[in-house]
PDB file of N, CA and C in Angstrom:
ATOM      1  N   UNK A   1     -19.032 -16.764 -11.058  1.00  0.00           N
ATOM      2  CA  UNK A   1     -19.565 -15.417 -11.246  1.00  0.00           C
ATOM      3  C   UNK A   1     -18.414 -14.422 -11.060  1.00  0.00           C
ATOM      4  N   UNK A   2     -18.180 -13.526 -12.015  1.00  0.00           N
ATOM      5  CA  UNK A   2     -17.097 -12.566 -11.868  1.00  0.00           C
ATOM      6  C   UNK A   2     -17.381 -11.569 -10.753  1.00  0.00           C
ATOM      7  N   UNK A   3     -16.330 -10.988 -10.193  1.00  0.00           N
ATOM      8  CA  UNK A   3     -16.479 -10.080  -9.077  1.00  0.00           C
ATOM      9  C   UNK A   3     -17.240  -8.791  -9.464  1.00  0.00           C
ATOM     10  N   UNK A   4     -17.132  -8.371 -10.730  1.00  0.00           N
ATOM     11  CA  UNK A   4     -17.827  -7.162 -11.128  1.00  0.00           C
ATOM     12  C   UNK A   4     -19.335  -7.296 -11.055  1.00  0.00           C
ATOM     13  N   UNK A   5     -19.856  -8.551 -11.186  1.00  0.00           N
ATOM     14  CA  UNK A   5     -21.287  -8.759 -11.204  1.00  0.00           C
ATOM     15  C   UNK A   5     -21.888  -8.724  -9.803  1.00  0.00           C
ATOM     16  N   UNK A   6     -21.103  -8.866  -8.746  1.00  0.00           N
ATOM     17  CA  UNK A   6     -21.675  -8.898  -7.410  1.00  0.00           C
ATOM     18  C   UNK A   6     -21.355  -7.632  -6.621  1.00  0.00           C
ATOM     19  N   UNK A   7     -21.042  -6.546  -7.284  1.00  0.00           N
ATOM     20  CA  UNK A   7     -20.869  -5.267  -6.604  1.00  0.00           C
ATOM     21  C   UNK A   7     -19.438  -4.828  -6.448  1.00  0.00           C
ATOM     22  N   UNK A   8     -18.456  -5.607  -6.828  1.00  0.00           N
ATOM     23  CA  UNK A   8     -17.084  -5.166  -6.722  1.00  0.00           C
ATOM     24  C   UNK A   8     -16.703  -4.393  -7.998  1.00  0.00           C
ATOM     25  N   UNK A   9     -16.167  -3.197  -7.846  1.00  0.00           N
ATOM     26  CA  UNK A   9     -15.833  -2.389  -9.036  1.00  0.00           C
ATOM     27  C   UNK A   9     -14.577  -2.917  -9.704  1.00  0.00           C
ATOM     28  N   UNK A  10     -14.477  -2.635 -10.990  1.00  0.00           N
ATOM     29  CA  UNK A  10     -13.287  -2.985 -11.720  1.00  0.00           C
ATOM     30  C   UNK A  10     -12.282  -1.838 -11.531  1.00  0.00           C
ATOM     31  N   UNK A  11     -11.160  -2.114 -10.896  1.00  0.00           N
ATOM     32  CA  UNK A  11     -10.232  -1.082 -10.539  1.00  0.00           C
ATOM     33  C   UNK A  11      -9.031  -1.001 -11.444  1.00  0.00           C
ATOM     34  N   UNK A  12      -8.903  -1.866 -12.385  1.00  0.00           N
ATOM     35  CA  UNK A  12      -7.742  -1.905 -13.280  1.00  0.00           C
ATOM     36  C   UNK A  12      -6.421  -2.007 -12.522  1.00  0.00           C
ATOM     37  N   UNK A  13      -6.423  -2.725 -11.435  1.00  0.00           N
ATOM     38  CA  UNK A  13      -5.194  -2.958 -10.671  1.00  0.00           C
ATOM     39  C   UNK A  13      -4.834  -1.865  -9.673  1.00  0.00           C
ATOM     40  N   UNK A  14      -5.634  -0.780  -9.592  1.00  0.00           N
ATOM     41  CA  UNK A  14      -5.334   0.317  -8.702  1.00  0.00           C
ATOM     42  C   UNK A  14      -6.387   0.319  -7.584  1.00  0.00           C
ATOM     43  N   UNK A  15      -6.083  -0.164  -6.398  1.00  0.00           N
ATOM     44  CA  UNK A  15      -7.072  -0.175  -5.324  1.00  0.00           C
ATOM     45  C   UNK A  15      -7.330   1.190  -4.738  1.00  0.00           C
ATOM     46  N   UNK A  16      -6.519   2.195  -5.076  1.00  0.00           N
ATOM     47  CA  UNK A  16      -6.674   3.542  -4.528  1.00  0.00           C
ATOM     48  C   UNK A  16      -7.328   4.491  -5.518  1.00  0.00           C
ATOM     49  N   UNK A  17      -7.969   3.980  -6.540  1.00  0.00           N
ATOM     50  CA  UNK A  17      -8.605   4.786  -7.561  1.00  0.00           C
ATOM     51  C   UNK A  17      -9.790   5.565  -6.957  1.00  0.00           C
ATOM     52  N   UNK A  18      -9.727   6.894  -6.863  1.00  0.00           N
ATOM     53  CA  UNK A  18     -10.834   7.649  -6.240  1.00  0.00           C
ATOM     54  C   UNK A  18     -12.064   7.729  -7.114  1.00  0.00           C
ATOM     55  N   UNK A  19     -11.983   7.390  -8.355  1.00  0.00           N
ATOM     56  CA  UNK A  19     -13.132   7.510  -9.255  1.00  0.00           C
ATOM     57  C   UNK A  19     -14.061   6.294  -9.136  1.00  0.00           C
ATOM     58  N   UNK A  20     -13.466   5.115  -8.917  1.00  0.00           N
ATOM     59  CA  UNK A  20     -14.256   3.899  -8.824  1.00  0.00           C
ATOM     60  C   UNK A  20     -15.133   3.940  -7.594  1.00  0.00           C
ATOM     61  N   UNK A  21     -16.346   3.470  -7.711  1.00  0.00           N
ATOM     62  CA  UNK A  21     -17.294   3.413  -6.583  1.00  0.00           C
ATOM     63  C   UNK A  21     -17.004   2.151  -5.829  1.00  0.00           C
ATOM     64  N   UNK A  22     -16.574   2.298  -4.566  1.00  0.00           N
ATOM     65  CA  UNK A  22     -16.221   1.160  -3.732  1.00  0.00           C
ATOM     66  C   UNK A  22     -17.461   0.718  -2.969  1.00  0.00           C
ATOM     67  N   UNK A  23     -18.137  -0.306  -3.426  1.00  0.00           N
ATOM     68  CA  UNK A  23     -19.342  -0.744  -2.790  1.00  0.00           C
ATOM     69  C   UNK A  23     -19.080  -1.811  -1.731  1.00  0.00           C
ATOM     70  N   UNK A  24     -17.793  -2.180  -1.523  1.00  0.00           N
ATOM     71  CA  UNK A  24     -17.515  -3.196  -0.527  1.00  0.00           C
ATOM     72  C   UNK A  24     -17.425  -2.629   0.876  1.00  0.00           C
ATOM     73  N   UNK A  25     -17.488  -1.287   1.025  1.00  0.00           N
ATOM     74  CA  UNK A  25     -17.471  -0.666   2.319  1.00  0.00           C
ATOM     75  C   UNK A  25     -18.880  -0.673   2.904  1.00  0.00           C
ATOM     76  N   UNK A  26     -18.994  -0.337   4.187  1.00  0.00           N
ATOM     77  CA  UNK A  26     -20.269  -0.335   4.849  1.00  0.00           C
ATOM     78  C   UNK A  26     -21.146   0.833   4.411  1.00  0.00           C
ATOM     79  N   UNK A  27     -22.423   0.609   4.304  1.00  0.00           N
ATOM     80  CA  UNK A  27     -23.392   1.671   4.037  1.00  0.00           C
ATOM     81  C   UNK A  27     -23.579   1.995   2.569  1.00  0.00           C
ATOM     82  N   UNK A  28     -24.532   2.913   2.353  1.00  0.00           N
ATOM     83  CA  UNK A  28     -24.865   3.339   0.999  1.00  0.00           C
ATOM     84  C   UNK A  28     -24.128   4.651   0.702  1.00  0.00           C
ATOM     85  N   UNK A  29     -23.778   4.802  -0.561  1.00  0.00           N
ATOM     86  CA  UNK A  29     -23.111   6.010  -1.008  1.00  0.00           C
ATOM     87  C   UNK A  29     -24.171   6.924  -1.607  1.00  0.00           C
ATOM     88  N   UNK A  30     -24.383   8.091  -0.986  1.00  0.00           N
ATOM     89  CA  UNK A  30     -25.377   9.050  -1.472  1.00  0.00           C
ATOM     90  C   UNK A  30     -24.744  10.007  -2.487  1.00  0.00           C
ATOM     91  N   UNK A  31     -25.569  10.714  -3.205  1.00  0.00           N
ATOM     92  CA  UNK A  31     -25.070  11.638  -4.224  1.00  0.00           C
ATOM     93  C   UNK A  31     -24.273  12.749  -3.565  1.00  0.00           C
ATOM     94  N   UNK A  32     -23.082  12.985  -4.066  1.00  0.00           N
ATOM     95  CA  UNK A  32     -22.224  14.056  -3.542  1.00  0.00           C
ATOM     96  C   UNK A  32     -21.343  13.620  -2.394  1.00  0.00           C
ATOM     97  N   UNK A  33     -21.426  12.368  -1.958  1.00  0.00           N
ATOM     98  CA  UNK A  33     -20.600  11.886  -0.845  1.00  0.00           C
ATOM     99  C   UNK A  33     -19.583  10.904  -1.371  1.00  0.00           C
ATOM    100  N   UNK A  34     -18.408  10.913  -0.804  1.00  0.00           N
ATOM    101  CA  UNK A  34     -17.373   9.970  -1.195  1.00  0.00           C
ATOM    102  C   UNK A  34     -17.166   8.893  -0.147  1.00  0.00           C
ATOM    103  N   UNK A  35     -17.624   9.143   1.068  1.00  0.00           N
ATOM    104  CA  UNK A  35     -17.469   8.182   2.166  1.00  0.00           C
ATOM    105  C   UNK A  35     -18.844   7.646   2.508  1.00  0.00           C
ATOM    106  N   UNK A  36     -19.083   6.331   2.420  1.00  0.00           N
ATOM    107  CA  UNK A  36     -20.385   5.797   2.731  1.00  0.00           C
ATOM    108  C   UNK A  36     -20.703   5.920   4.235  1.00  0.00           C
ATOM    109  N   UNK A  37     -21.977   6.053   4.534  1.00  0.00           N
ATOM    110  CA  UNK A  37     -22.411   6.140   5.928  1.00  0.00           C
ATOM    111  C   UNK A  37     -22.638   4.760   6.486  1.00  0.00           C
ATOM    112  N   UNK A  38     -22.355   4.610   7.758  1.00  0.00           N
ATOM    113  CA  UNK A  38     -22.633   3.343   8.425  1.00  0.00           C
ATOM    114  C   UNK A  38     -24.006   3.464   9.123  1.00  0.00           C
ATOM    115  N   UNK A  39     -24.630   2.336   9.402  1.00  0.00           N
ATOM    116  CA  UNK A  39     -25.947   2.415  10.066  1.00  0.00           C
ATOM    117  C   UNK A  39     -25.815   3.005  11.476  1.00  0.00           C
ATOM    118  N   UNK A  40     -26.858   3.728  11.902  1.00  0.00           N
ATOM    119  CA  UNK A  40     -26.845   4.339  13.224  1.00  0.00           C
ATOM    120  C   UNK A  40     -26.919   3.292  14.321  1.00  0.00           C
ATOM    121  N   UNK A  41     -26.256   3.524  15.450  1.00  0.00           N
ATOM    122  CA  UNK A  41     -26.364   2.550  16.556  1.00  0.00           C
ATOM    123  C   UNK A  41     -27.704   2.669  17.233  1.00  0.00           C
ATOM    124  N   UNK A  42     -28.054   1.687  18.039  1.00  0.00           N
ATOM    125  CA  UNK A  42     -29.276   1.764  18.823  1.00  0.00           C
ATOM    126  C   UNK A  42     -29.124   2.880  19.855  1.00  0.00           C
ATOM    127  N   UNK A  43     -30.213   3.610  20.070  1.00  0.00           N
ATOM    128  CA  UNK A  43     -30.190   4.794  20.890  1.00  0.00           C
ATOM    129  C   UNK A  43     -31.446   4.855  21.730  1.00  0.00           C
ATOM    130  N   UNK A  44     -31.304   5.012  23.026  1.00  0.00           N
ATOM    131  CA  UNK A  44     -32.443   5.114  23.938  1.00  0.00           C
ATOM    132  C   UNK A  44     -32.302   6.402  24.715  1.00  0.00           C
ATOM    133  N   UNK A  45     -33.302   7.267  24.636  1.00  0.00           N
ATOM    134  CA  UNK A  45     -33.220   8.531  25.348  1.00  0.00           C
ATOM    135  C   UNK A  45     -33.402   8.320  26.831  1.00  0.00           C
ATOM    136  N   UNK A  46     -32.763   9.171  27.612  1.00  0.00           N
ATOM    137  CA  UNK A  46     -32.937   9.195  29.063  1.00  0.00           C
ATOM    138  C   UNK A  46     -33.240  10.615  29.460  1.00  0.00           C
ATOM    139  N   UNK A  47     -33.935  10.810  30.537  1.00  0.00           N
ATOM    140  CA  UNK A  47     -34.358  12.150  30.933  1.00  0.00           C
ATOM    141  C   UNK A  47     -33.218  13.068  31.342  1.00  0.00           C
ATOM    142  N   UNK A  48     -32.315  12.582  32.153  1.00  0.00           N
ATOM    143  CA  UNK A  48     -31.215  13.397  32.657  1.00  0.00           C
ATOM    144  C   UNK A  48     -29.928  12.629  32.554  1.00  0.00           C
ATOM    145  N   UNK A  49     -28.813  13.323  32.782  1.00  0.00           N
ATOM    146  CA  UNK A  49     -27.510  12.702  32.786  1.00  0.00           C
ATOM    147  C   UNK A  49     -27.422  11.633  33.866  1.00  0.00           C
ATOM    148  N   UNK A  50     -27.961  11.980  35.047  1.00  0.00           N
ATOM    149  CA  UNK A  50     -27.935  11.013  36.187  1.00  0.00           C
ATOM    150  C   UNK A  50     -28.723   9.733  35.834  1.00  0.00           C
ATOM    151  N   UNK A  51     -29.873   9.906  35.207  1.00  0.00           N
ATOM    152  CA  UNK A  51     -30.687   8.746  34.828  1.00  0.00           C
ATOM    153  C   UNK A  51     -29.983   7.908  33.753  1.00  0.00           C
ATOM    154  N   UNK A  52     -29.334   8.576  32.806  1.00  0.00           N
ATOM    155  CA  UNK A  52     -28.609   7.872  31.774  1.00  0.00           C
ATOM    156  C   UNK A  52     -27.436   7.083  32.309  1.00  0.00           C
ATOM    157  N   UNK A  53     -26.687   7.673  33.252  1.00  0.00           N
ATOM    158  CA  UNK A  53     -25.549   6.995  33.872  1.00  0.00           C
ATOM    159  C   UNK A  53     -26.009   5.843  34.765  1.00  0.00           C
ATOM    160  N   UNK A  54     -27.124   6.053  35.453  1.00  0.00           N
ATOM    161  CA  UNK A  54     -27.625   4.995  36.332  1.00  0.00           C
ATOM    162  C   UNK A  54     -28.150   3.811  35.509  1.00  0.00           C
ATOM    163  N   UNK A  55     -28.792   4.076  34.412  1.00  0.00           N
ATOM    164  CA  UNK A  55     -29.344   2.991  33.577  1.00  0.00           C
ATOM    165  C   UNK A  55     -28.286   2.269  32.799  1.00  0.00           C
ATOM    166  N   UNK A  56     -27.381   3.016  32.126  1.00  0.00           N
ATOM    167  CA  UNK A  56     -26.427   2.411  31.178  1.00  0.00           C
ATOM    168  C   UNK A  56     -25.021   2.280  31.746  1.00  0.00           C
ATOM    169  N   UNK A  57     -24.674   3.029  32.775  1.00  0.00           N
ATOM    170  CA  UNK A  57     -23.315   3.041  33.261  1.00  0.00           C
ATOM    171  C   UNK A  57     -22.439   4.022  32.508  1.00  0.00           C
ATOM    172  N   UNK A  58     -21.345   4.474  33.140  1.00  0.00           N
ATOM    173  CA  UNK A  58     -20.532   5.528  32.529  1.00  0.00           C
ATOM    174  C   UNK A  58     -19.758   5.010  31.327  1.00  0.00           C
ATOM    175  N   UNK A  59     -19.281   3.774  31.332  1.00  0.00           N
ATOM    176  CA  UNK A  59     -18.503   3.279  30.230  1.00  0.00           C
ATOM    177  C   UNK A  59     -19.385   3.040  28.992  1.00  0.00           C
ATOM    178  N   UNK A  60     -20.565   2.458  29.189  1.00  0.00           N
ATOM    179  CA  UNK A  60     -21.438   2.224  28.026  1.00  0.00           C
ATOM    180  C   UNK A  60     -21.960   3.563  27.465  1.00  0.00           C
ATOM    181  N   UNK A  61     -22.238   4.515  28.357  1.00  0.00           N
ATOM    182  CA  UNK A  61     -22.723   5.797  27.880  1.00  0.00           C
ATOM    183  C   UNK A  61     -21.613   6.547  27.156  1.00  0.00           C
ATOM    184  N   UNK A  62     -20.393   6.517  27.695  1.00  0.00           N
ATOM    185  CA  UNK A  62     -19.305   7.298  27.089  1.00  0.00           C
ATOM    186  C   UNK A  62     -18.740   6.627  25.843  1.00  0.00           C
ATOM    187  N   UNK A  63     -18.525   5.335  25.913  1.00  0.00           N
ATOM    188  CA  UNK A  63     -17.808   4.660  24.810  1.00  0.00           C
ATOM    189  C   UNK A  63     -18.718   4.109  23.730  1.00  0.00           C
ATOM    190  N   UNK A  64     -19.925   3.719  24.073  1.00  0.00           N
ATOM    191  CA  UNK A  64     -20.835   3.127  23.103  1.00  0.00           C
ATOM    192  C   UNK A  64     -21.980   4.058  22.681  1.00  0.00           C
ATOM    193  N   UNK A  65     -22.031   5.256  23.257  1.00  0.00           N
ATOM    194  CA  UNK A  65     -23.086   6.233  22.938  1.00  0.00           C
ATOM    195  C   UNK A  65     -24.486   5.637  23.048  1.00  0.00           C
ATOM    196  N   UNK A  66     -24.785   5.052  24.179  1.00  0.00           N
ATOM    197  CA  UNK A  66     -26.094   4.413  24.346  1.00  0.00           C
ATOM    198  C   UNK A  66     -27.218   5.373  24.587  1.00  0.00           C
ATOM    199  N   UNK A  67     -26.927   6.625  24.952  1.00  0.00           N
ATOM    200  CA  UNK A  67     -27.946   7.636  25.086  1.00  0.00           C
ATOM    201  C   UNK A  67     -27.369   8.999  24.684  1.00  0.00           C
ATOM    202  N   UNK A  68     -28.163  10.053  24.875  1.00  0.00           N
ATOM    203  CA  UNK A  68     -27.756  11.372  24.357  1.00  0.00           C
ATOM    204  C   UNK A  68     -26.657  12.044  25.181  1.00  0.00           C
ATOM    205  N   UNK A  69     -26.254  11.457  26.280  1.00  0.00           N
ATOM    206  CA  UNK A  69     -25.233  12.063  27.154  1.00  0.00           C
ATOM    207  C   UNK A  69     -23.860  11.434  26.975  1.00  0.00           C
ATOM    208  N   UNK A  70     -23.562  10.930  25.803  1.00  0.00           N
ATOM    209  CA  UNK A  70     -22.249  10.366  25.518  1.00  0.00           C
ATOM    210  C   UNK A  70     -21.112  11.329  25.672  1.00  0.00           C
ATOM    211  N   UNK A  71     -21.209  12.533  25.055  1.00  0.00           N
ATOM    212  CA  UNK A  71     -20.111  13.505  25.213  1.00  0.00           C
ATOM    213  C   UNK A  71     -19.927  13.987  26.652  1.00  0.00           C
ATOM    214  N   UNK A  72     -21.030  14.147  27.378  1.00  0.00           N
ATOM    215  CA  UNK A  72     -20.924  14.604  28.753  1.00  0.00           C
ATOM    216  C   UNK A  72     -20.243  13.559  29.643  1.00  0.00           C
ATOM    217  N   UNK A  73     -20.635  12.297  29.454  1.00  0.00           N
ATOM    218  CA  UNK A  73     -20.013  11.261  30.251  1.00  0.00           C
ATOM    219  C   UNK A  73     -18.546  11.016  29.835  1.00  0.00           C
ATOM    220  N   UNK A  74     -18.225  11.291  28.585  1.00  0.00           N
ATOM    221  CA  UNK A  74     -16.818  11.179  28.141  1.00  0.00           C
ATOM    222  C   UNK A  74     -15.980  12.236  28.858  1.00  0.00           C
ATOM    223  N   UNK A  75     -16.491  13.434  29.064  1.00  0.00           N
ATOM    224  CA  UNK A  75     -15.758  14.471  29.813  1.00  0.00           C
ATOM    225  C   UNK A  75     -15.590  14.027  31.270  1.00  0.00           C
ATOM    226  N   UNK A  76     -16.638  13.466  31.856  1.00  0.00           N
ATOM    227  CA  UNK A  76     -16.509  12.979  33.230  1.00  0.00           C
ATOM    228  C   UNK A  76     -15.475  11.875  33.334  1.00  0.00           C
ATOM    229  N   UNK A  77     -15.463  10.963  32.367  1.00  0.00           N
ATOM    230  CA  UNK A  77     -14.490   9.899  32.333  1.00  0.00           C
ATOM    231  C   UNK A  77     -13.059  10.456  32.184  1.00  0.00           C
ATOM    232  N   UNK A  78     -12.908  11.454  31.307  1.00  0.00           N
ATOM    233  CA  UNK A  78     -11.614  12.102  31.119  1.00  0.00           C
ATOM    234  C   UNK A  78     -11.136  12.764  32.398  1.00  0.00           C
ATOM    235  N   UNK A  79     -12.030  13.451  33.114  1.00  0.00           N
ATOM    236  CA  UNK A  79     -11.669  14.099  34.353  1.00  0.00           C
ATOM    237  C   UNK A  79     -11.258  13.086  35.415  1.00  0.00           C
ATOM    238  N   UNK A  80     -11.924  11.939  35.452  1.00  0.00           N
ATOM    239  CA  UNK A  80     -11.588  10.888  36.397  1.00  0.00           C
ATOM    240  C   UNK A  80     -10.199  10.332  36.114  1.00  0.00           C
ATOM    241  N   UNK A  81      -9.915   9.995  34.850  1.00  0.00           N
ATOM    242  CA  UNK A  81      -8.603   9.468  34.500  1.00  0.00           C
ATOM    243  C   UNK A  81      -7.516  10.503  34.713  1.00  0.00           C
ATOM    244  N   UNK A  82      -7.798  11.775  34.416  1.00  0.00           N
ATOM    245  CA  UNK A  82      -6.800  12.808  34.622  1.00  0.00           C
ATOM    246  C   UNK A  82      -6.509  13.006  36.141  1.00  0.00           C
ATOM    247  N   UNK A  83      -7.507  12.875  36.971  1.00  0.00           N
ATOM    248  CA  UNK A  83      -7.288  13.006  38.418  1.00  0.00           C
ATOM    249  C   UNK A  83      -6.439  11.847  38.932  1.00  0.00           C
ATOM    250  N   UNK A  84      -6.739  10.655  38.493  1.00  0.00           N
ATOM    251  CA  UNK A  84      -5.961   9.476  38.931  1.00  0.00           C
ATOM    252  C   UNK A  84      -4.504   9.603  38.419  1.00  0.00           C
ATOM    253  N   UNK A  85      -4.327  10.024  37.187  1.00  0.00           N
ATOM    254  CA  UNK A  85      -2.991  10.168  36.629  1.00  0.00           C
ATOM    255  C   UNK A  85      -2.219  11.258  37.376  1.00  0.00           C
ATOM    256  N   UNK A  86      -2.879  12.366  37.670  1.00  0.00           N
ATOM    257  CA  UNK A  86      -2.241  13.443  38.429  1.00  0.00           C
ATOM    258  C   UNK A  86      -1.852  12.997  39.842  1.00  0.00           C
ATOM    259  N   UNK A  87      -2.728  12.221  40.470  1.00  0.00           N
ATOM    260  CA  UNK A  87      -2.414  11.727  41.818  1.00  0.00           C
ATOM    261  C   UNK A  87      -1.198  10.787  41.795  1.00  0.00           C
ATOM    262  N   UNK A  88      -1.105   9.932  40.764  1.00  0.00           N
ATOM    263  CA  UNK A  88       0.048   9.029  40.661  1.00  0.00           C
ATOM    264  C   UNK A  88       1.329   9.832  40.449  1.00  0.00           C
ATOM    265  N   UNK A  89       1.268  10.828  39.541  1.00  0.00           N
ATOM    266  CA  UNK A  89       2.459  11.640  39.301  1.00  0.00           C
ATOM    267  C   UNK A  89       2.864  12.444  40.538  1.00  0.00           C
ATOM    268  N   UNK A  90       1.880  12.920  41.284  1.00  0.00           N
ATOM    269  CA  UNK A  90       2.174  13.646  42.508  1.00  0.00           C
ATOM    270  C   UNK A  90       2.772  12.734  43.553  1.00  0.00           C
ATOM    271  N   UNK A  91       2.327  11.477  43.603  1.00  0.00           N
ATOM    272  CA  UNK A  91       2.875  10.508  44.566  1.00  0.00           C
ATOM    273  C   UNK A  91       4.315  10.197  44.257  1.00  0.00           C
ATOM    274  N   UNK A  92       4.706  10.170  42.968  1.00  0.00           N
ATOM    275  CA  UNK A  92       6.095   9.934  42.600  1.00  0.00           C
ATOM    276  C   UNK A  92       7.023  11.047  43.076  1.00  0.00           C
ATOM    277  N   UNK A  93       6.483  12.249  43.252  1.00  0.00           N
ATOM    278  CA  UNK A  93       7.291  13.372  43.719  1.00  0.00           C
ATOM    279  C   UNK A  93       7.781  13.173  45.143  1.00  0.00           C
ATOM    280  N   UNK A  94       7.009  12.461  45.923  1.00  0.00           N
ATOM    281  CA  UNK A  94       7.330  12.296  47.348  1.00  0.00           C
ATOM    282  C   UNK A  94       8.025  10.962  47.652  1.00  0.00           C
ATOM    283  N   UNK A  95       8.348  10.164  46.676  1.00  0.00           N
ATOM    284  CA  UNK A  95       9.085   8.923  46.894  1.00  0.00           C
ATOM    285  C   UNK A  95      10.564   9.075  46.700  1.00  0.00           C
TER     286      UNK A  95
END
């Protein structure tokens, strides 16, 4: 079976052709869009930030977006890493 019959576009040797519809990427291509959408991740709502962090943990909430507080927990994670990095740099000053 030729590749054109199973969804691969004929590119005439140019893999960077913006006109050809690339169906080998994830998701469906909607009208007016050039980049296909990927399926949404599983999402479970939690009542508060504290409940979301207690249920899913800070890393799963921040990095995997398991609930609606992903951006908030990412800021908390950033502040934690910045504090540790600052403490290490400050400790080097006194050695």
